[in-house]
Amino acid sequence: MAERRVRHHFVSKLVLREFAKVGVIQVVDLRADGRSFPRSIDDAAAENDYNTIELKNGSLSDEAEVAIANRVEGPAGAVIARIARGGWMEEDELEVVARLVLFQLLRVPTRRDEGDALADLLMKLTVAAEGPMGMRRSLENHLGRPPTEEEVTEAWVSVGDLNWNVSRQSEAHLVDSFKLLDEFLEPFTMTYSWHVMRWDRRHLLTSDSPIILAANPEMPQIYGVGMANAQVIYFPVSRSCCLLLRNRVDPDWDVPNGREIHGTTTSARAVSRMMAENATRWLYHHPDDSLAELLGPRASLPMPQSVTYETAHVRRLQHRLKVMAEYAAEHPDEPHPMSPGGHQINWADFPDPT
C-alpha cells in the first residue's frame, strides 16, 4: 500500500516554485510583526492533513489530495511554467489554466475560515431563535422519549449563552470547492478575457491567498466582490509574471485572449501591495528580493484580519431572538413575540450585550 501523503499545500507548489531559489522561498509572518525566514517550498504554504478526509470505515485518506494533483495541478503544470517563462497557452489549454486559477481561489485557508464562520453564525441564530422549545425537540429526537424539564433546562443552559464555536470538517470545504469548480468553471472562463503582465526588472510577491479580486469602483459595495463580478483578477504565477483577467463587461477588454502588457515599477508595487492586503497571515517572495523593493520604501505591512461575522449587530440579533424564544417557551399558550399580535417585549428590560 502506498504511503499516505500528509503534508498538503493550500498554495500550489507549481506557483511557489516560480518564487523560489533552489527550492527555497522567503516567508513573512504578518502575525509576528513581519518576521521573515527561509523555508523549503515543500513546507511553505502547507499544513499537515489540510486535505485529509475520513472514510466511512474511520480510516484517513489522501484521496482529495490525489484528486487535486490529477485533476487540477497536473494538467496545468507545463502551461503555467511556459507562461512564467515568456510563453502563452494554446486555445485548448485555457480550461486547464482556468481550473487551476478557480481552484486556487477556493482552496485557501481564508475560504475555509469563511465557511466555518458562516456555519457558526447560522447555527447560533438557529439555536437562539428556537430556544428551549427547539432544545426540547432536539432532545426528544436524540433520546427517543420526551425529555424531563430538568434535562431541557440543563441542555439549554449549556448552549443558551452562545459562547461556543462551530467548525466544519475539512471534507465540507473540499466538497464545496470541487462542487463550485465543476459548476463555475465554464462561466468563470468565459466571464473574463485572459491576459498576462510581465516585468523586466521589477518583481512580485505572493501570499497564502494568492489571487486578488479587484472590485469595480462604480459598483455599490453592498454587492461585494467575487469570482463572477470582479473587474480585474490578478494571479502572479512567477516573480516577474502575472495573469490578468479582465471582466468582459468592460467593452474595452472584451477582446481576444493573450494580450501581453508591459509592467512598470508602479504596477509591480501596486500588485504586491494588493497581495499583501489580501493575505491572511503569510507572504512569500524570492530570497533575493526585499520587501522594501517589492512594496516600495515607504510601504508598511498590513495587520492580518481574522474572518468573523460576530459584529455588534449580529450579537444584538442573537440576543433578541434568544429573549423572544425564552418568552415563548415560558408562555406556550400565547402568540409568539415575532407573530402578528404577539407579546411586545420591552427591550429596556433586556439590554443588548456590550
Protein backbone atom coordinates (compact mmCIF):
# COMPACT_ATOMS: atom_id res chain seq x y z
CA MET A 1 0.00 0.00 0.00
CA ALA A 2 1.33 3.44 -0.94
CA GLU A 3 2.18 5.72 1.96
CA ARG A 4 -0.46 8.38 2.59
CA ARG A 5 0.53 11.95 1.81
CA VAL A 6 0.31 14.07 4.95
CA ARG A 7 1.77 17.47 4.02
CA HIS A 8 -0.77 19.30 1.84
CA HIS A 9 -0.32 22.66 0.11
CA PHE A 10 -3.00 25.34 0.07
CA VAL A 11 -0.99 27.37 -2.46
CA SER A 12 0.03 25.35 -5.48
CA LYS A 13 3.64 24.22 -5.42
CA LEU A 14 3.67 24.96 -9.16
CA VAL A 15 3.48 28.64 -8.29
CA LEU A 16 5.71 28.59 -5.20
CA ARG A 17 8.48 27.10 -7.32
CA GLU A 18 8.48 30.21 -9.51
CA PHE A 19 9.20 32.42 -6.46
CA ALA A 20 11.91 30.17 -5.03
CA LYS A 21 15.69 29.94 -5.28
CA VAL A 22 16.94 26.35 -5.42
CA GLY A 23 13.68 25.19 -3.84
CA VAL A 24 13.72 27.79 -1.02
CA ILE A 25 11.29 30.68 -0.62
CA GLN A 26 11.31 33.59 1.83
CA VAL A 27 8.34 33.57 4.23
CA VAL A 28 6.96 36.63 6.07
CA ASP A 29 4.68 36.15 9.09
CA LEU A 30 2.27 39.09 9.36
CA ARG A 31 1.15 37.93 12.80
CA ALA A 32 4.71 38.22 14.10
CA ASP A 33 5.38 41.82 13.01
CA GLY A 34 6.79 40.74 9.67
CA ARG A 35 9.27 38.15 10.95
CA SER A 36 10.99 36.71 7.88
CA PHE A 37 12.72 33.37 7.35
CA PRO A 38 13.60 30.96 4.52
CA ARG A 39 11.63 27.77 4.04
CA SER A 40 11.58 24.92 1.57
CA ILE A 41 8.69 25.03 -0.88
CA ASP A 42 7.85 21.53 0.33
CA ASP A 43 6.82 23.06 3.66
CA ALA A 44 5.77 26.60 2.76
CA ALA A 45 2.04 27.30 2.29
CA ALA A 46 1.23 23.84 3.57
CA GLU A 47 -0.34 22.15 6.59
CA ASN A 48 -0.42 18.58 7.78
CA ASP A 49 -3.69 16.86 6.80
CA TYR A 50 -5.13 20.04 5.26
CA ASN A 51 -6.91 17.92 2.60
CA THR A 52 -7.23 14.69 4.57
CA ILE A 53 -10.67 13.09 4.59
CA GLU A 54 -12.11 10.42 6.86
CA LEU A 55 -13.60 7.40 5.09
CA LYS A 56 -16.73 5.56 6.24
CA ASN A 57 -14.59 2.89 7.89
CA GLY A 58 -12.91 5.58 10.03
CA SER A 59 -9.55 5.50 8.24
CA LEU A 60 -7.84 8.64 6.96
CA SER A 61 -7.30 9.13 3.24
CA ASP A 62 -5.44 11.49 0.94
CA GLU A 63 -7.87 10.85 -1.94
CA ALA A 64 -8.70 14.55 -2.19
CA GLU A 65 -5.02 15.48 -2.36
CA VAL A 66 -4.54 12.96 -5.15
CA ALA A 67 -7.59 14.32 -6.98
CA ILE A 68 -6.17 17.86 -6.78
CA ALA A 69 -2.89 16.64 -8.25
CA ASN A 70 -4.57 14.68 -11.05
CA ARG A 71 -7.49 16.97 -11.92
CA VAL A 72 -6.08 20.43 -11.26
CA GLU A 73 -2.33 20.80 -10.88
CA GLY A 74 -1.05 18.04 -13.15
CA PRO A 75 -2.78 19.19 -16.36
CA ALA A 76 -1.84 22.85 -15.74
CA GLY A 77 1.79 22.40 -14.68
CA ALA A 78 3.50 22.62 -18.07
CA VAL A 79 1.28 25.50 -19.21
CA ILE A 80 1.95 27.61 -16.11
CA ALA A 81 5.69 27.01 -16.45
CA ARG A 82 5.53 28.10 -20.09
CA ILE A 83 3.64 31.29 -19.24
CA ALA A 84 6.07 32.07 -16.43
CA ARG A 85 8.96 31.82 -18.89
CA GLY A 86 7.53 34.10 -21.54
CA GLY A 87 5.11 31.92 -23.50
CA TRP A 88 1.37 31.68 -23.64
CA MET A 89 -1.29 29.00 -23.71
CA GLU A 90 -2.98 27.36 -26.67
CA GLU A 91 -6.72 27.87 -27.05
CA ASP A 92 -7.49 24.34 -25.83
CA GLU A 93 -5.33 24.90 -22.73
CA LEU A 94 -7.42 27.74 -21.33
CA GLU A 95 -9.71 25.39 -19.44
CA VAL A 96 -6.87 23.67 -17.55
CA VAL A 97 -5.41 27.06 -16.54
CA ALA A 98 -8.85 28.32 -15.53
CA ARG A 99 -9.33 25.19 -13.44
CA LEU A 100 -6.09 25.90 -11.58
CA VAL A 101 -6.97 29.58 -11.03
CA LEU A 102 -10.50 28.86 -9.83
CA PHE A 103 -9.47 26.03 -7.52
CA GLN A 104 -6.63 28.11 -6.12
CA LEU A 105 -9.16 30.81 -5.31
CA LEU A 106 -11.33 28.27 -3.47
CA ARG A 107 -8.75 26.14 -1.67
CA VAL A 108 -7.07 28.67 0.62
CA PRO A 109 -7.50 28.81 4.43
CA THR A 110 -9.41 32.09 4.37
CA ARG A 111 -12.19 30.43 2.30
CA ARG A 112 -12.28 27.59 4.82
CA ASP A 113 -12.48 30.12 7.64
CA GLU A 114 -15.32 31.92 5.86
CA GLY A 115 -17.26 28.65 5.63
CA ASP A 116 -16.70 27.95 9.33
CA ALA A 117 -17.71 31.47 10.31
CA LEU A 118 -20.91 31.27 8.26
CA ALA A 119 -21.79 27.85 9.69
CA ASP A 120 -21.17 29.22 13.18
CA LEU A 121 -23.39 32.26 12.52
CA LEU A 122 -26.29 30.23 11.13
CA MET A 123 -26.12 27.67 13.94
CA LYS A 124 -26.15 30.35 16.64
CA LEU A 125 -29.05 32.20 15.01
CA THR A 126 -30.98 28.92 14.77
CA VAL A 127 -30.30 27.97 18.40
CA ALA A 128 -31.21 31.46 19.61
CA ALA A 129 -34.46 31.56 17.59
CA GLU A 130 -35.64 28.05 18.53
CA GLY A 131 -34.75 28.47 22.20
CA PRO A 132 -35.82 25.96 24.88
CA MET A 133 -38.66 24.58 22.72
CA GLY A 134 -36.20 23.74 19.97
CA MET A 135 -33.91 22.17 22.56
CA ARG A 136 -36.83 20.03 23.77
CA ARG A 137 -37.46 18.75 20.23
CA SER A 138 -33.79 18.00 19.68
CA LEU A 139 -33.51 16.08 22.95
CA GLU A 140 -36.63 14.07 22.17
CA ASN A 141 -35.20 13.08 18.78
CA HIS A 142 -31.89 12.18 20.38
CA LEU A 143 -33.26 10.31 23.42
CA GLY A 144 -36.20 8.65 21.71
CA ARG A 145 -38.50 9.82 24.51
CA PRO A 146 -39.87 13.10 25.89
CA PRO A 147 -37.15 14.76 27.99
CA THR A 148 -37.73 15.92 31.54
CA GLU A 149 -37.89 19.60 32.41
CA GLU A 150 -34.55 19.25 34.21
CA GLU A 151 -32.94 17.77 31.08
CA VAL A 152 -34.27 20.58 28.92
CA THR A 153 -33.13 23.27 31.37
CA GLU A 154 -29.66 21.74 31.75
CA ALA A 155 -29.20 21.40 28.00
CA TRP A 156 -30.44 24.94 27.30
CA VAL A 157 -28.18 26.47 29.96
CA SER A 158 -25.20 24.67 28.39
CA VAL A 159 -25.72 26.27 24.97
CA GLY A 160 -28.01 29.24 25.52
CA ASP A 161 -25.19 31.68 26.22
CA LEU A 162 -23.96 31.05 22.63
CA ASN A 163 -20.41 31.11 23.98
CA TRP A 164 -19.19 28.36 21.69
CA ASN A 165 -17.97 27.99 18.12
CA VAL A 166 -18.77 25.72 15.20
CA SER A 167 -16.06 24.41 12.88
CA ARG A 168 -16.82 22.21 9.90
CA GLN A 169 -14.71 19.21 9.00
CA SER A 170 -12.19 19.73 6.19
CA GLU A 171 -14.33 17.47 3.99
CA ALA A 172 -17.02 20.15 3.85
CA HIS A 173 -14.59 22.71 2.43
CA LEU A 174 -13.22 20.20 -0.07
CA VAL A 175 -16.68 19.11 -1.24
CA ASP A 176 -17.76 22.74 -1.65
CA SER A 177 -14.55 23.56 -3.56
CA PHE A 178 -14.89 20.71 -6.05
CA LYS A 179 -18.61 21.38 -6.48
CA LEU A 180 -18.04 25.07 -7.22
CA LEU A 181 -15.15 24.15 -9.53
CA ASP A 182 -17.43 21.96 -11.64
CA GLU A 183 -20.35 24.40 -11.60
CA PHE A 184 -18.49 27.65 -12.25
CA LEU A 185 -15.57 26.61 -14.45
CA GLU A 186 -17.24 27.39 -17.78
CA PRO A 187 -18.87 30.72 -16.77
CA PHE A 188 -15.68 31.74 -14.95
CA THR A 189 -13.62 31.02 -18.06
CA MET A 190 -15.94 33.00 -20.32
CA THR A 191 -16.62 35.95 -18.00
CA TYR A 192 -13.05 37.21 -18.29
CA SER A 193 -10.59 37.93 -21.05
CA TRP A 194 -7.24 36.31 -20.18
CA HIS A 195 -4.00 38.25 -20.47
CA VAL A 196 -0.54 38.46 -18.97
CA MET A 197 1.52 41.27 -17.44
CA ARG A 198 5.33 40.97 -17.36
CA TRP A 199 8.19 42.88 -15.78
CA ASP A 200 11.82 43.01 -16.92
CA ARG A 201 13.41 44.47 -13.79
CA ARG A 202 10.73 44.58 -11.10
CA HIS A 203 9.42 41.64 -9.12
CA LEU A 204 6.28 40.50 -7.31
CA LEU A 205 5.46 38.63 -4.14
CA THR A 206 2.66 36.19 -3.41
CA SER A 207 0.73 35.12 -0.31
CA ASP A 208 -1.43 32.49 1.36
CA SER A 209 -4.34 33.99 -0.59
CA PRO A 210 -2.60 34.49 -3.92
CA ILE A 211 -5.47 35.57 -6.16
CA ILE A 212 -6.59 39.19 -5.97
CA LEU A 213 -10.19 40.10 -6.82
CA ALA A 214 -10.40 43.80 -7.59
CA ALA A 215 -13.90 45.27 -7.43
CA ASN A 216 -15.43 47.62 -9.94
CA PRO A 217 -15.23 51.02 -8.15
CA GLU A 218 -18.57 52.04 -9.70
CA MET A 219 -20.40 49.03 -8.22
CA PRO A 220 -22.13 49.58 -4.83
CA GLN A 221 -20.15 47.98 -2.01
CA ILE A 222 -23.21 46.07 -0.87
CA TYR A 223 -22.69 43.66 -3.79
CA GLY A 224 -19.21 42.71 -2.60
CA VAL A 225 -16.69 41.20 -4.99
CA GLY A 226 -16.42 37.57 -6.02
CA MET A 227 -15.39 35.24 -8.79
CA ALA A 228 -18.29 36.34 -11.01
CA ASN A 229 -18.25 40.12 -10.70
CA ALA A 230 -14.63 41.20 -10.11
CA GLN A 231 -13.49 43.89 -12.51
CA VAL A 232 -9.94 42.53 -12.58
CA ILE A 233 -8.33 39.36 -11.22
CA TYR A 234 -4.57 39.24 -10.62
CA PHE A 235 -2.71 35.95 -10.17
CA PRO A 236 1.10 36.20 -10.04
CA VAL A 237 2.47 32.93 -11.44
CA SER A 238 6.13 33.95 -11.03
CA ARG A 239 8.12 36.80 -9.53
CA SER A 240 8.02 38.62 -12.89
CA CYS A 241 4.76 37.45 -14.46
CA CYS A 242 1.11 37.87 -13.52
CA LEU A 243 -2.03 36.51 -15.13
CA LEU A 244 -4.50 39.37 -15.57
CA LEU A 245 -8.18 38.56 -16.07
CA ARG A 246 -10.42 41.44 -17.10
CA ASN A 247 -14.20 41.25 -16.91
CA ARG A 248 -15.71 41.26 -20.41
CA VAL A 249 -18.48 43.57 -19.18
CA ASP A 250 -15.92 46.29 -19.91
CA PRO A 251 -16.16 46.73 -23.71
CA ASP A 252 -12.54 47.88 -23.89
CA TRP A 253 -11.46 44.46 -22.60
CA ASP A 254 -13.91 42.25 -24.48
CA VAL A 255 -11.01 41.31 -26.74
CA PRO A 256 -9.26 38.08 -27.77
CA ASN A 257 -7.21 36.40 -25.04
CA GLY A 258 -3.44 36.74 -24.92
CA ARG A 259 -2.72 40.46 -24.73
CA GLU A 260 0.74 41.00 -23.23
CA ILE A 261 1.12 44.06 -21.03
CA HIS A 262 4.48 45.55 -20.11
CA GLY A 263 4.59 46.18 -16.38
CA THR A 264 6.10 49.21 -14.69
CA THR A 265 7.58 49.83 -11.25
CA THR A 266 4.28 51.39 -10.20
CA SER A 267 2.19 48.45 -11.37
CA ALA A 268 4.53 45.88 -9.79
CA ARG A 269 4.34 47.57 -6.41
CA ALA A 270 0.60 48.04 -6.74
CA VAL A 271 0.08 44.32 -7.34
CA SER A 272 2.39 43.39 -4.46
CA ARG A 273 0.65 45.81 -2.10
CA MET A 274 -2.75 44.40 -3.04
CA MET A 275 -1.34 40.91 -2.47
CA ALA A 276 -0.10 41.89 0.99
CA GLU A 277 -3.53 43.35 1.85
CA ASN A 278 -5.14 40.15 0.55
CA ALA A 279 -3.04 37.88 2.75
CA THR A 280 -4.44 36.08 5.77
CA ARG A 281 -1.11 35.58 7.52
CA TRP A 282 1.76 34.64 5.20
CA LEU A 283 3.63 36.44 2.42
CA TYR A 284 6.10 34.62 0.16
CA HIS A 285 8.83 36.05 -2.05
CA HIS A 286 12.11 35.20 -3.74
CA PRO A 287 15.07 35.18 -1.31
CA ASP A 288 16.93 37.76 -3.42
CA ASP A 289 14.07 40.28 -3.20
CA SER A 290 13.39 42.60 -0.27
CA LEU A 291 10.04 43.85 0.97
CA ALA A 292 11.22 47.45 0.51
CA GLU A 293 11.85 46.74 -3.18
CA LEU A 294 8.63 44.78 -3.63
CA LEU A 295 6.25 47.11 -1.79
CA GLY A 296 8.07 50.42 -2.04
CA PRO A 297 10.37 52.03 0.54
CA ARG A 298 7.57 53.76 2.49
CA ALA A 299 5.04 50.93 2.44
CA SER A 300 4.11 49.20 5.69
CA LEU A 301 2.89 45.66 6.23
CA PRO A 302 -0.85 45.26 6.86
CA MET A 303 -2.35 43.82 10.03
CA PRO A 304 -3.82 40.37 9.34
CA GLN A 305 -7.58 40.19 9.75
CA SER A 306 -9.47 37.15 11.03
CA VAL A 307 -12.72 36.05 9.42
CA THR A 308 -15.75 36.60 11.65
CA TYR A 309 -19.40 37.55 11.47
CA GLU A 310 -19.53 38.35 15.21
CA THR A 311 -20.40 42.01 14.80
CA ALA A 312 -22.30 44.11 17.33
CA HIS A 313 -25.37 43.91 15.09
CA VAL A 314 -25.21 40.08 14.96
CA ARG A 315 -24.78 39.80 18.74
CA ARG A 316 -27.79 42.09 19.23
CA LEU A 317 -29.87 39.98 16.83
CA GLN A 318 -28.87 36.73 18.55
CA HIS A 319 -29.68 38.23 21.95
CA ARG A 320 -33.14 39.40 20.92
CA LEU A 321 -34.01 36.12 19.22
CA LYS A 322 -33.00 34.29 22.39
CA VAL A 323 -35.12 36.56 24.61
CA MET A 324 -38.18 36.05 22.41
CA ALA A 325 -37.65 32.28 22.25
CA GLU A 326 -37.35 32.05 26.03
CA TYR A 327 -40.53 34.12 26.46
CA ALA A 328 -42.37 31.83 24.02
CA ALA A 329 -41.22 28.76 25.99
CA GLU A 330 -42.50 30.27 29.24
CA HIS A 331 -45.84 31.29 27.68
CA PRO A 332 -46.69 28.43 25.27
CA ASP A 333 -50.36 29.39 25.05
CA GLU A 334 -49.66 32.93 23.85
CA PRO A 335 -48.74 34.07 20.34
CA HIS A 336 -45.02 34.09 19.68
CA PRO A 337 -43.48 37.56 20.11
CA MET A 338 -42.49 37.57 16.43
CA SER A 339 -46.02 36.75 15.22
CA PRO A 340 -48.72 39.36 14.47
CA GLY A 341 -50.38 40.22 17.75
CA GLY A 342 -47.61 38.59 19.74
CA HIS A 343 -46.33 39.94 23.05
CA GLN A 344 -44.41 43.19 22.67
CA ILE A 345 -41.21 42.81 24.67
CA ASN A 346 -39.88 45.87 26.48
CA TRP A 347 -36.29 45.77 25.32
CA ALA A 348 -35.24 48.21 28.05
CA ASP A 349 -35.63 45.24 30.41
CA PHE A 350 -33.21 43.20 28.29
CA PRO A 351 -30.22 45.42 27.48
CA ASP A 352 -28.21 44.49 24.41
CA PRO A 353 -24.85 42.77 25.01
CA THR A 354 -21.86 45.09 25.09
